[in-house]
Amino acid sequence: MVTAIVFVKADVARIHEVAETIAALDGVSEVYSVTGEHDLMAMVRVRRHDELNDVIPGRVNKVPGVLGTETHIAFRTYSKHDLDAAFALGLPDAD
């Protein structure tokens, strides 16, 4: 599985519509509204690296109201469970 984090700049008047349209695209698992330089963050998950081309420039960038994107490819996924284990000190839980 290949995961890409896509930051999206959108037309301010259309952020909600853009987010819903992107969230409905095949290959997009979630869309978040975010603070900072970008308006939205989309999580794209596909089976093969070459499928990113179909999803991001092929569909996400063509959504009306998308002004630009910045894509980051994830190398490894760390779940909350993995992070808890990585930072555990071996001490018993204090219930």
N, C-alpha and C. Protein backbone atom coordinates (compact mmCIF):
# COMPACT_ATOMS: atom_id res chain seq x y z
N MET A 1 0.84 -1.17 0.00
CA MET A 1 0.00 0.00 0.00
C MET A 1 0.89 1.24 0.00
N VAL A 2 0.58 2.19 -0.85
CA VAL A 2 1.30 3.45 -0.93
C VAL A 2 0.39 4.53 -0.37
N THR A 3 0.94 5.33 0.55
CA THR A 3 0.18 6.42 1.15
C THR A 3 0.82 7.74 0.77
N ALA A 4 -0.02 8.68 0.36
CA ALA A 4 0.44 10.04 0.06
C ALA A 4 -0.40 11.01 0.87
N ILE A 5 0.25 12.02 1.41
CA ILE A 5 -0.43 13.10 2.11
C ILE A 5 -0.42 14.27 1.14
N VAL A 6 -1.62 14.72 0.77
CA VAL A 6 -1.75 15.78 -0.23
C VAL A 6 -2.31 17.02 0.44
N PHE A 7 -1.51 18.08 0.49
CA PHE A 7 -1.97 19.36 1.01
C PHE A 7 -2.59 20.13 -0.15
N VAL A 8 -3.76 20.70 0.09
CA VAL A 8 -4.54 21.34 -0.97
C VAL A 8 -4.79 22.80 -0.62
N LYS A 9 -4.50 23.69 -1.56
CA LYS A 9 -4.93 25.08 -1.48
C LYS A 9 -6.21 25.17 -2.30
N ALA A 10 -7.23 25.75 -1.68
CA ALA A 10 -8.53 25.81 -2.34
C ALA A 10 -9.07 27.23 -2.35
N ASP A 11 -9.98 27.48 -3.27
CA ASP A 11 -10.72 28.73 -3.30
C ASP A 11 -11.47 28.83 -1.98
N VAL A 12 -11.23 29.88 -1.22
CA VAL A 12 -11.79 30.03 0.12
C VAL A 12 -13.31 29.90 0.12
N ALA A 13 -13.95 30.39 -0.88
CA ALA A 13 -15.42 30.34 -0.95
C ALA A 13 -15.93 28.93 -1.24
N ARG A 14 -15.03 28.00 -1.61
CA ARG A 14 -15.45 26.66 -2.01
C ARG A 14 -14.82 25.54 -1.20
N ILE A 15 -14.21 25.85 -0.07
CA ILE A 15 -13.47 24.83 0.68
C ILE A 15 -14.35 23.63 1.01
N HIS A 16 -15.53 23.86 1.52
CA HIS A 16 -16.41 22.75 1.90
C HIS A 16 -16.74 21.88 0.69
N GLU A 17 -17.09 22.49 -0.41
CA GLU A 17 -17.43 21.75 -1.64
C GLU A 17 -16.22 20.99 -2.17
N VAL A 18 -15.06 21.63 -2.16
CA VAL A 18 -13.82 20.99 -2.62
C VAL A 18 -13.51 19.77 -1.74
N ALA A 19 -13.61 19.94 -0.43
CA ALA A 19 -13.32 18.84 0.49
C ALA A 19 -14.25 17.65 0.25
N GLU A 20 -15.53 17.90 0.09
CA GLU A 20 -16.48 16.81 -0.14
C GLU A 20 -16.23 16.11 -1.47
N THR A 21 -15.89 16.88 -2.50
CA THR A 21 -15.62 16.30 -3.81
C THR A 21 -14.37 15.43 -3.77
N ILE A 22 -13.31 15.93 -3.14
CA ILE A 22 -12.07 15.15 -3.03
C ILE A 22 -12.31 13.90 -2.20
N ALA A 23 -13.05 14.00 -1.11
CA ALA A 23 -13.31 12.85 -0.24
C ALA A 23 -14.05 11.74 -0.97
N ALA A 24 -14.81 12.09 -1.99
CA ALA A 24 -15.58 11.09 -2.75
C ALA A 24 -14.76 10.39 -3.83
N LEU A 25 -13.55 10.85 -4.08
CA LEU A 25 -12.72 10.26 -5.14
C LEU A 25 -12.17 8.90 -4.73
N ASP A 26 -12.13 7.98 -5.67
CA ASP A 26 -11.49 6.68 -5.44
C ASP A 26 -10.02 6.91 -5.11
N GLY A 27 -9.54 6.25 -4.09
CA GLY A 27 -8.15 6.38 -3.67
C GLY A 27 -7.95 7.36 -2.53
N VAL A 28 -8.95 8.19 -2.25
CA VAL A 28 -8.87 9.15 -1.15
C VAL A 28 -9.60 8.55 0.04
N SER A 29 -8.88 8.39 1.16
CA SER A 29 -9.50 7.77 2.34
C SER A 29 -10.07 8.80 3.30
N GLU A 30 -9.43 9.95 3.42
CA GLU A 30 -9.90 11.00 4.32
C GLU A 30 -9.50 12.36 3.78
N VAL A 31 -10.25 13.37 4.19
CA VAL A 31 -9.88 14.76 3.90
C VAL A 31 -10.09 15.55 5.19
N TYR A 32 -9.11 16.34 5.56
CA TYR A 32 -9.17 17.15 6.76
C TYR A 32 -9.08 18.62 6.39
N SER A 33 -9.82 19.49 7.07
CA SER A 33 -9.57 20.92 6.97
C SER A 33 -8.45 21.20 7.97
N VAL A 34 -7.50 22.01 7.58
CA VAL A 34 -6.32 22.24 8.42
C VAL A 34 -6.00 23.73 8.50
N THR A 35 -5.20 24.07 9.50
CA THR A 35 -4.72 25.44 9.62
C THR A 35 -3.38 25.55 8.92
N GLY A 36 -2.95 26.77 8.71
CA GLY A 36 -1.63 26.99 8.12
C GLY A 36 -1.71 27.41 6.67
N GLU A 37 -0.67 27.09 5.95
CA GLU A 37 -0.51 27.53 4.57
C GLU A 37 -1.52 26.89 3.61
N HIS A 38 -2.01 25.70 3.95
CA HIS A 38 -2.95 25.00 3.09
C HIS A 38 -4.33 24.96 3.75
N ASP A 39 -5.33 24.64 2.95
CA ASP A 39 -6.71 24.62 3.44
C ASP A 39 -7.17 23.21 3.81
N LEU A 40 -6.70 22.23 3.06
CA LEU A 40 -7.14 20.84 3.25
C LEU A 40 -5.95 19.90 3.20
N MET A 41 -6.12 18.74 3.81
CA MET A 41 -5.13 17.67 3.70
C MET A 41 -5.88 16.39 3.36
N ALA A 42 -5.49 15.76 2.27
CA ALA A 42 -6.14 14.53 1.83
C ALA A 42 -5.17 13.37 1.98
N MET A 43 -5.68 12.26 2.50
CA MET A 43 -4.90 11.04 2.60
C MET A 43 -5.25 10.17 1.39
N VAL A 44 -4.27 9.89 0.57
CA VAL A 44 -4.46 9.07 -0.62
C VAL A 44 -3.78 7.74 -0.38
N ARG A 45 -4.54 6.66 -0.57
CA ARG A 45 -3.98 5.32 -0.37
C ARG A 45 -4.29 4.47 -1.60
N VAL A 46 -3.22 3.99 -2.23
CA VAL A 46 -3.36 3.18 -3.45
C VAL A 46 -2.46 1.96 -3.34
N ARG A 47 -2.71 0.98 -4.20
CA ARG A 47 -1.92 -0.26 -4.16
C ARG A 47 -0.51 -0.09 -4.75
N ARG A 48 -0.43 0.67 -5.83
CA ARG A 48 0.85 0.81 -6.53
C ARG A 48 1.20 2.29 -6.69
N HIS A 49 2.49 2.55 -6.67
CA HIS A 49 3.00 3.92 -6.78
C HIS A 49 2.47 4.63 -8.01
N ASP A 50 2.40 3.94 -9.15
CA ASP A 50 1.97 4.60 -10.38
C ASP A 50 0.50 5.02 -10.36
N GLU A 51 -0.30 4.47 -9.42
CA GLU A 51 -1.70 4.88 -9.30
C GLU A 51 -1.83 6.29 -8.73
N LEU A 52 -0.79 6.78 -8.06
CA LEU A 52 -0.83 8.14 -7.53
C LEU A 52 -1.05 9.15 -8.65
N ASN A 53 -0.49 8.88 -9.81
CA ASN A 53 -0.67 9.76 -10.97
C ASN A 53 -2.13 9.87 -11.37
N ASP A 54 -2.86 8.77 -11.30
CA ASP A 54 -4.28 8.80 -11.64
C ASP A 54 -5.08 9.60 -10.62
N VAL A 55 -4.73 9.45 -9.36
CA VAL A 55 -5.52 10.07 -8.30
C VAL A 55 -5.19 11.55 -8.12
N ILE A 56 -3.92 11.88 -7.99
CA ILE A 56 -3.57 13.27 -7.62
C ILE A 56 -3.63 14.22 -8.81
N PRO A 57 -2.72 14.13 -9.79
CA PRO A 57 -2.89 15.06 -10.91
C PRO A 57 -4.09 14.71 -11.79
N GLY A 58 -4.46 13.43 -11.80
CA GLY A 58 -5.55 13.00 -12.66
C GLY A 58 -6.94 13.37 -12.16
N ARG A 59 -7.11 13.43 -10.82
CA ARG A 59 -8.44 13.73 -10.27
C ARG A 59 -8.44 14.88 -9.27
N VAL A 60 -7.59 14.79 -8.25
CA VAL A 60 -7.61 15.82 -7.20
C VAL A 60 -7.34 17.21 -7.78
N ASN A 61 -6.30 17.34 -8.58
CA ASN A 61 -5.95 18.65 -9.13
C ASN A 61 -7.00 19.20 -10.08
N LYS A 62 -7.87 18.34 -10.58
CA LYS A 62 -8.90 18.78 -11.53
C LYS A 62 -10.23 19.14 -10.88
N VAL A 63 -10.31 18.99 -9.55
CA VAL A 63 -11.54 19.36 -8.85
C VAL A 63 -11.70 20.88 -8.93
N PRO A 64 -12.87 21.35 -9.37
CA PRO A 64 -13.09 22.80 -9.42
C PRO A 64 -12.91 23.43 -8.03
N GLY A 65 -12.11 24.47 -7.96
CA GLY A 65 -11.82 25.14 -6.70
C GLY A 65 -10.47 24.79 -6.12
N VAL A 66 -9.80 23.76 -6.65
CA VAL A 66 -8.45 23.44 -6.21
C VAL A 66 -7.49 24.40 -6.91
N LEU A 67 -6.73 25.13 -6.11
CA LEU A 67 -5.79 26.10 -6.66
C LEU A 67 -4.38 25.53 -6.77
N GLY A 68 -4.07 24.50 -5.99
CA GLY A 68 -2.76 23.88 -6.04
C GLY A 68 -2.65 22.79 -4.99
N THR A 69 -1.68 21.91 -5.18
CA THR A 69 -1.44 20.82 -4.23
C THR A 69 0.04 20.67 -3.95
N GLU A 70 0.33 20.06 -2.82
CA GLU A 70 1.70 19.68 -2.45
C GLU A 70 1.61 18.27 -1.91
N THR A 71 2.34 17.35 -2.51
CA THR A 71 2.22 15.94 -2.17
C THR A 71 3.46 15.42 -1.45
N HIS A 72 3.23 14.66 -0.39
CA HIS A 72 4.30 14.00 0.37
C HIS A 72 4.00 12.51 0.38
N ILE A 73 4.97 11.70 0.01
CA ILE A 73 4.82 10.24 0.01
C ILE A 73 5.30 9.71 1.36
N ALA A 74 4.50 8.86 1.97
CA ALA A 74 4.87 8.27 3.26
C ALA A 74 5.77 7.06 3.02
N PHE A 75 6.84 6.95 3.78
CA PHE A 75 7.72 5.79 3.70
C PHE A 75 7.24 4.67 4.59
N ARG A 76 6.76 5.03 5.77
CA ARG A 76 6.36 4.04 6.77
C ARG A 76 5.20 4.61 7.56
N THR A 77 4.31 3.72 7.98
CA THR A 77 3.17 4.13 8.80
C THR A 77 3.40 3.70 10.23
N TYR A 78 3.17 4.61 11.15
CA TYR A 78 3.23 4.32 12.57
C TYR A 78 1.84 4.55 13.14
N SER A 79 1.25 3.51 13.66
CA SER A 79 -0.06 3.67 14.29
C SER A 79 0.13 4.10 15.74
N LYS A 80 -0.94 4.55 16.38
CA LYS A 80 -0.86 4.91 17.79
C LYS A 80 -0.32 3.74 18.60
N HIS A 81 -0.77 2.56 18.27
CA HIS A 81 -0.29 1.36 18.96
C HIS A 81 1.23 1.22 18.82
N ASP A 82 1.74 1.42 17.61
CA ASP A 82 3.18 1.31 17.38
C ASP A 82 3.95 2.37 18.17
N LEU A 83 3.42 3.60 18.19
CA LEU A 83 4.09 4.67 18.90
C LEU A 83 4.07 4.44 20.41
N ASP A 84 2.95 3.96 20.94
CA ASP A 84 2.89 3.65 22.36
C ASP A 84 3.94 2.62 22.73
N ALA A 85 4.10 1.60 21.90
CA ALA A 85 5.09 0.55 22.16
C ALA A 85 6.50 1.10 22.05
N ALA A 86 6.74 1.98 21.09
CA ALA A 86 8.08 2.53 20.87
C ALA A 86 8.53 3.40 22.04
N PHE A 87 7.59 4.09 22.69
CA PHE A 87 7.95 5.00 23.77
C PHE A 87 7.68 4.43 25.16
N ALA A 88 7.25 3.18 25.22
CA ALA A 88 6.98 2.56 26.52
C ALA A 88 8.29 2.37 27.28
N LEU A 89 8.23 2.61 28.58
CA LEU A 89 9.42 2.47 29.41
C LEU A 89 9.49 1.13 30.10
N GLY A 90 8.53 0.25 29.81
CA GLY A 90 8.52 -1.05 30.45
C GLY A 90 7.96 -1.02 31.85
N LEU A 91 7.38 0.11 32.24
CA LEU A 91 6.79 0.22 33.56
C LEU A 91 5.35 -0.28 33.53
N PRO A 92 4.89 -0.86 34.60
CA PRO A 92 3.49 -1.31 34.63
C PRO A 92 2.56 -0.11 34.56
N ASP A 93 1.38 -0.35 33.96
CA ASP A 93 0.38 0.72 33.87
C ASP A 93 -0.08 1.12 35.27
N ALA A 94 -0.19 2.41 35.48
CA ALA A 94 -0.70 2.91 36.76
C ALA A 94 -2.19 3.18 36.59
N ASP A 95 -3.01 2.22 36.98
CA ASP A 95 -4.46 2.38 36.82
C ASP A 95 -5.07 3.14 37.94
